[in-house]
Amino acid sequence: MHTAQHIVRTARAAALAAAVMGLAACAGMTQQEKSTAIGAGVGAIGGSILTGGSTAGTLGGAAVGGVIGHEVNKK
């Protein structure tokens, strides 16, 4: 892997993590909404890493992670 690609991938992951943390910190969100946001963020990072930073992999990971996060804390 080229160093430039590694830097771009790391920057994307850091930006996604920051966005997820920002969403998770919202006081008005229910626990289920927080879990959904965290799941989407983690899924996006995982999808991006597994597919070499592809947009489709990132979005697919976010979708799957969001669904899993939503279902985890369902009553």
Protein backbone atom coordinates (compact mmCIF):
# COMPACT_ATOMS: atom_id res chain seq x y z
CA MET A 1 0.00 0.00 0.00
CA HIS A 2 1.28 3.44 -0.85
CA THR A 3 1.84 5.89 1.95
CA ALA A 4 -0.51 8.46 0.41
CA GLN A 5 -3.33 5.90 0.23
CA HIS A 6 -2.72 4.96 3.84
CA ILE A 7 -2.91 8.61 4.91
CA VAL A 8 -6.16 9.16 3.01
CA ARG A 9 -7.69 6.00 4.48
CA THR A 10 -6.64 6.98 8.00
CA ALA A 11 -8.04 10.48 7.54
CA ARG A 12 -11.38 9.09 6.36
CA ALA A 13 -11.58 6.75 9.34
CA ALA A 14 -10.74 9.58 11.74
CA ALA A 15 -13.37 11.86 10.18
CA LEU A 16 -16.03 9.16 10.42
CA ALA A 17 -15.11 8.41 14.02
CA ALA A 18 -15.34 12.10 14.91
CA ALA A 19 -18.76 12.34 13.26
CA VAL A 20 -20.02 9.31 15.15
CA MET A 21 -18.75 10.64 18.45
CA GLY A 22 -20.44 13.96 17.75
CA LEU A 23 -23.74 12.25 17.05
CA ALA A 24 -23.44 9.96 20.05
CA ALA A 25 -22.94 12.94 22.34
CA CYS A 26 -26.31 14.49 21.48
CA ALA A 27 -28.23 14.74 24.74
CA GLY A 28 -31.64 14.56 23.07
CA MET A 29 -31.06 11.17 21.50
CA THR A 30 -32.55 7.98 22.87
CA GLN A 31 -30.27 5.04 23.60
CA GLN A 32 -31.53 3.29 20.48
CA GLU A 33 -30.74 6.34 18.32
CA LYS A 34 -27.25 6.52 19.82
CA SER A 35 -26.71 2.82 19.14
CA THR A 36 -27.88 3.28 15.55
CA ALA A 37 -25.48 6.19 14.99
CA ILE A 38 -22.56 4.36 16.58
CA GLY A 39 -23.31 1.21 14.59
CA ALA A 40 -23.43 3.20 11.35
CA GLY A 41 -20.12 4.86 12.11
CA VAL A 42 -18.36 1.66 13.06
CA GLY A 43 -19.84 -0.09 10.04
CA ALA A 44 -18.70 2.69 7.74
CA ILE A 45 -15.16 2.49 9.05
CA GLY A 46 -15.15 -1.30 8.79
CA GLY A 47 -16.61 -1.24 5.28
CA SER A 48 -14.08 1.33 4.18
CA ILE A 49 -11.17 -0.69 5.54
CA LEU A 50 -12.40 -3.99 4.13
CA THR A 51 -12.97 -2.60 0.63
CA GLY A 52 -9.87 -0.43 0.36
CA GLY A 53 -11.72 2.83 0.86
CA SER A 54 -14.42 2.36 -1.77
CA THR A 55 -17.52 4.51 -1.46
CA ALA A 56 -19.83 1.53 -1.93
CA GLY A 57 -18.06 -0.40 0.83
CA THR A 58 -18.22 2.56 3.20
CA LEU A 59 -21.92 3.18 2.55
CA GLY A 60 -22.75 -0.52 2.71
CA GLY A 61 -20.91 -0.88 5.99
CA ALA A 62 -22.72 2.15 7.39
CA ALA A 63 -26.09 0.71 6.39
CA VAL A 64 -25.41 -2.71 7.87
CA GLY A 65 -23.87 -1.23 11.04
CA GLY A 66 -26.81 1.15 11.48
CA VAL A 67 -29.32 -1.69 11.23
CA ILE A 68 -27.37 -3.81 13.71
CA GLY A 69 -26.99 -0.87 16.11
CA HIS A 70 -30.70 -0.15 15.86
CA GLU A 71 -31.67 -3.73 16.63
CA VAL A 72 -29.25 -4.21 19.55
CA ASN A 73 -31.16 -2.06 22.03
CA LYS A 74 -34.66 -2.75 20.77
CA LYS A 75 -37.13 -3.48 23.54
